[in-house]
């Protein structure tokens, strides 16, 4: 994708889906960005099939991305795919964005065990299973 299409903030690749948090650039709509991204991934991973739809949540101008980045980070831990003392290998974040929760994370970064029971109400709808 072109640099002006999106600014990627964080992502978690799960066994059967992906969570992406990004900021739209000024040139493409969300639908066009998703279509372009799917095409690029399909070329890189032959035989990959996509589900027909996708879930989106657009942040309003006054919403912070922090709770959503935290949910993206926590997804594999909440799903029970990995222990809290291990780094999920499919997690990525842009070093240019400083997520506050990372300063509180254990080395790795790995989540604090009590984070599994925490819910950030601002991003409740993104939590696995809800």
Foldseek 3Di string as FASTA:
>chain_A
DDPQQWAWFKKFDDPVDIDTDIGGGDPDDPVVVVVVVVVVVCVVDPPDDDDPDDDDDDDDPPDDCQLVRVQRLCACVLVVVDDQVEHRPRIDGDPVDDRPVQVVADPVRGHDVCVSVDDDVVPNVSHPPD
